[in-house]
Amino acid sequence: MTTHFRPVALEHASRLINQGPTLLVTSAAGGRRNVMAAAWSMPVEFTPPRVAVVIDKRTFTRELVMASGAFGLCIPGAGLADLTYAVGSTSGRDEDKFARYGLVAAEGPVLGMPVIETGCAAWLECRLIREPHAEEAYDTCFAEVVAAAADERVFAQGHWSVSDAHASLQTIHHLGGGLFARAASVIRAKAP
């Protein structure tokens, strides 16, 4: 299989999610794996790159993240809007959502977390930053990005490229109730 994915320098990893895309959070521990959708995430530090993502404490994904101390953040393109809504609306506790939805995942290069390239614009592999009080009190998880890659057709040399040529890879942004907006154009600001 030919892949258009290339490693992303960690100093540019925050740019993969700073525009607020909906994410697919992947997790694995004890021979089980899961994938869920998450709409609330953000970069929190540049060096080393650190991110925050909300993963409800009651979910199977959170259980796997706590067990493994790691997770993947995959950035689905517009072509995966239906799948993103589906994995965000169902539980993986009783079934493997990767198998149910035909998702193919590779192992992340550092932590072995599942990462999805087909239909995704990029992925980040993340090591959980352990903080017992926050883990008990909040749904927000903090992590250090240890590896990242992106489809060079939409993200190269540290920058996004939005064009109609690759509309199916444009990031999606959750509006609620199964509605998503697609990043479809770029406006260049004038220099001051």
Protein backbone atom coordinates (compact mmCIF):
# COMPACT_ATOMS: atom_id res chain seq x y z
CA MET A 1 0.00 0.00 0.00
CA THR A 2 1.34 3.41 -0.96
CA THR A 3 1.06 5.94 1.81
CA HIS A 4 1.24 9.69 1.57
CA PHE A 5 1.97 9.93 5.29
CA ARG A 6 5.26 11.49 6.35
CA PRO A 7 6.64 12.17 9.82
CA VAL A 8 5.87 15.60 11.24
CA ALA A 9 8.59 17.38 13.20
CA LEU A 10 7.47 17.51 16.81
CA GLU A 11 7.88 21.30 16.90
CA HIS A 12 5.02 21.41 14.36
CA ALA A 13 2.81 18.76 16.02
CA SER A 14 0.59 21.35 17.74
CA ARG A 15 -0.39 22.72 14.33
CA LEU A 16 -2.13 19.45 13.57
CA ILE A 17 -4.90 20.19 16.11
CA ASN A 18 -4.71 23.93 16.84
CA GLN A 19 -7.59 24.61 14.44
CA GLY A 20 -9.95 22.45 16.53
CA PRO A 21 -10.69 19.42 14.37
CA THR A 22 -12.81 16.52 15.54
CA LEU A 23 -10.49 13.65 16.46
CA LEU A 24 -10.59 9.89 16.59
CA VAL A 25 -9.06 8.85 19.91
CA THR A 26 -7.53 5.38 19.74
CA SER A 27 -6.51 3.26 22.69
CA ALA A 28 -5.24 -0.24 23.42
CA ALA A 29 -4.39 -2.29 26.50
CA GLY A 30 -4.55 -5.92 27.57
CA GLY A 31 -5.21 -7.19 24.04
CA ARG A 32 -8.24 -4.89 23.54
CA ARG A 33 -8.51 -1.71 21.51
CA ASN A 34 -11.03 1.04 20.93
CA VAL A 35 -11.71 4.16 18.93
CA MET A 36 -14.01 7.06 19.82
CA ALA A 37 -14.66 10.56 18.51
CA ALA A 38 -13.68 13.64 20.49
CA ALA A 39 -14.54 17.25 19.69
CA TRP A 40 -12.71 18.94 22.56
CA SER A 41 -8.94 19.04 22.24
CA MET A 42 -6.15 21.57 22.02
CA PRO A 43 -2.38 21.99 22.13
CA VAL A 44 -1.19 23.22 25.54
CA GLU A 45 2.59 23.48 25.10
CA PHE A 46 5.02 23.62 22.19
CA THR A 47 8.27 22.15 23.58
CA PRO A 48 7.86 19.38 24.32
CA PRO A 49 4.55 19.24 22.44
CA ARG A 50 1.69 18.60 24.85
CA VAL A 51 -2.03 18.33 24.23
CA ALA A 52 -5.29 18.14 26.16
CA VAL A 53 -8.27 16.06 25.08
CA VAL A 54 -11.55 15.35 26.84
CA ILE A 55 -12.15 11.61 27.29
CA ASP A 56 -15.12 10.93 29.56
CA LYS A 57 -14.12 8.91 32.64
CA ARG A 58 -17.03 6.48 32.05
CA THR A 59 -15.89 5.39 28.59
CA PHE A 60 -14.09 2.24 27.56
CA THR A 61 -11.51 4.43 25.81
CA ARG A 62 -10.65 6.14 29.10
CA GLU A 63 -10.31 2.74 30.80
CA LEU A 64 -7.81 1.61 28.14
CA VAL A 65 -5.92 4.94 28.26
CA MET A 66 -5.51 4.68 32.03
CA ALA A 67 -4.32 1.06 31.71
CA SER A 68 -1.78 1.74 28.96
CA GLY A 69 -0.76 5.32 29.75
CA ALA A 70 -1.07 6.21 26.07
CA PHE A 71 -3.44 7.00 23.20
CA GLY A 72 -3.52 8.01 19.57
CA LEU A 73 -5.20 11.09 18.10
CA CYS A 74 -6.18 10.58 14.47
CA ILE A 75 -7.58 13.48 12.47
CA PRO A 76 -10.35 12.22 10.18
CA GLY A 77 -10.97 13.87 6.86
CA ALA A 78 -14.41 14.89 5.60
CA GLY A 79 -14.71 11.52 3.87
CA LEU A 80 -14.92 9.90 7.32
CA ALA A 81 -17.72 12.07 8.73
CA ASP A 82 -20.21 9.17 8.89
CA LEU A 83 -17.65 6.88 10.50
CA THR A 84 -16.62 9.58 12.97
CA TYR A 85 -20.22 10.06 14.04
CA ALA A 86 -20.73 6.29 14.32
CA VAL A 87 -17.67 5.60 16.51
CA GLY A 88 -18.60 8.58 18.66
CA SER A 89 -22.14 7.27 19.14
CA THR A 90 -21.41 3.65 20.08
CA SER A 91 -19.48 1.90 22.83
CA GLY A 92 -16.52 -0.37 22.19
CA ARG A 93 -16.86 -2.11 25.55
CA ASP A 94 -18.79 -5.04 24.03
CA GLU A 95 -17.35 -5.10 20.50
CA ASP A 96 -14.23 -4.14 18.58
CA LYS A 97 -15.20 -0.98 16.69
CA PHE A 98 -12.16 -1.37 14.44
CA ALA A 99 -13.58 -4.69 13.21
CA ARG A 100 -17.19 -3.49 13.12
CA TYR A 101 -16.39 -0.48 10.94
CA GLY A 102 -13.57 -2.03 8.90
CA LEU A 103 -10.87 0.29 10.25
CA VAL A 104 -7.28 -0.63 9.52
CA ALA A 105 -4.79 0.64 12.07
CA ALA A 106 -1.02 0.54 12.13
CA GLU A 107 1.00 0.55 15.34
CA GLY A 108 2.38 3.92 16.32
CA PRO A 109 6.18 3.98 16.10
CA VAL A 110 6.91 4.86 19.75
CA LEU A 111 4.12 3.51 21.97
CA GLY A 112 2.39 1.04 19.66
CA MET A 113 -0.97 2.81 19.87
CA PRO A 114 -3.35 2.20 16.95
CA VAL A 115 -3.05 4.95 14.34
CA ILE A 116 -5.38 5.30 11.36
CA GLU A 117 -4.10 6.67 8.07
CA THR A 118 -6.78 5.70 5.53
CA GLY A 119 -9.18 8.63 5.32
CA CYS A 120 -7.30 10.61 7.95
CA ALA A 121 -5.26 13.76 7.44
CA ALA A 122 -2.83 13.10 10.30
CA TRP A 123 -2.20 11.31 13.59
CA LEU A 124 -0.38 11.95 16.85
CA GLU A 125 0.86 9.29 19.26
CA CYS A 126 0.61 10.50 22.85
CA ARG A 127 1.97 9.48 26.25
CA LEU A 128 -0.42 10.27 29.09
CA ILE A 129 0.87 12.74 31.67
CA ARG A 130 -0.14 11.15 34.96
CA GLU A 131 -1.77 13.43 37.50
CA PRO A 132 -3.90 11.46 39.97
CA HIS A 133 -6.04 14.38 41.18
CA ALA A 134 -6.89 15.51 37.64
CA GLU A 135 -7.56 11.92 36.53
CA GLU A 136 -10.11 11.49 39.32
CA ALA A 137 -11.71 14.93 39.10
CA TYR A 138 -11.83 15.72 35.38
CA ASP A 139 -12.51 14.18 32.00
CA THR A 140 -9.59 16.11 30.47
CA CYS A 141 -6.43 14.12 29.78
CA PHE A 142 -3.05 15.74 29.23
CA ALA A 143 -0.37 14.05 27.17
CA GLU A 144 2.98 14.56 25.52
CA VAL A 145 3.10 13.99 21.77
CA VAL A 146 5.90 11.49 21.09
CA ALA A 147 5.34 10.95 17.35
CA ALA A 148 3.24 12.50 14.61
CA ALA A 149 2.66 12.04 10.89
CA ALA A 150 0.46 13.66 8.28
CA ASP A 151 -0.70 13.09 4.75
CA GLU A 152 1.64 15.29 2.73
CA ARG A 153 -1.19 16.17 0.34
CA VAL A 154 -2.81 18.26 3.10
CA PHE A 155 -0.02 18.95 5.64
CA ALA A 156 3.61 19.45 4.66
CA GLN A 157 6.58 21.42 5.96
CA GLY A 158 4.64 22.35 9.08
CA HIS A 159 1.60 23.85 7.33
CA TRP A 160 -1.91 22.86 6.25
CA SER A 161 -2.91 23.04 2.60
CA VAL A 162 -6.64 23.27 1.96
CA SER A 163 -7.73 22.66 -1.63
CA ASP A 164 -10.61 21.05 -3.47
CA ALA A 165 -8.17 18.49 -4.88
CA HIS A 166 -8.16 16.69 -1.52
CA ALA A 167 -11.57 17.68 -0.12
CA SER A 168 -12.08 14.22 1.45
CA LEU A 169 -9.05 14.86 3.68
CA GLN A 170 -10.10 18.32 4.86
CA THR A 171 -10.60 18.38 8.63
CA ILE A 172 -14.07 18.25 10.13
CA HIS A 173 -15.37 20.23 13.08
CA HIS A 174 -18.29 18.97 15.17
CA LEU A 175 -21.29 21.28 15.42
CA GLY A 176 -23.47 18.86 17.43
CA GLY A 177 -26.16 16.34 16.58
CA GLY A 178 -24.21 14.67 13.78
CA LEU A 179 -23.47 17.95 11.98
CA PHE A 180 -19.90 18.78 10.98
CA ALA A 181 -18.31 21.75 9.24
CA ARG A 182 -15.47 21.08 6.81
CA ALA A 183 -12.34 23.21 6.59
CA ALA A 184 -12.84 24.23 2.98
CA SER A 185 -10.89 27.41 2.33
CA VAL A 186 -8.07 29.53 3.64
CA ILE A 187 -7.99 33.29 4.06
CA ARG A 188 -4.53 34.88 4.14
CA ALA A 189 -4.31 37.91 6.40
CA LYS A 190 -2.39 40.98 5.28
CA ALA A 191 0.82 41.63 7.13
CA PRO A 192 0.53 44.55 9.58
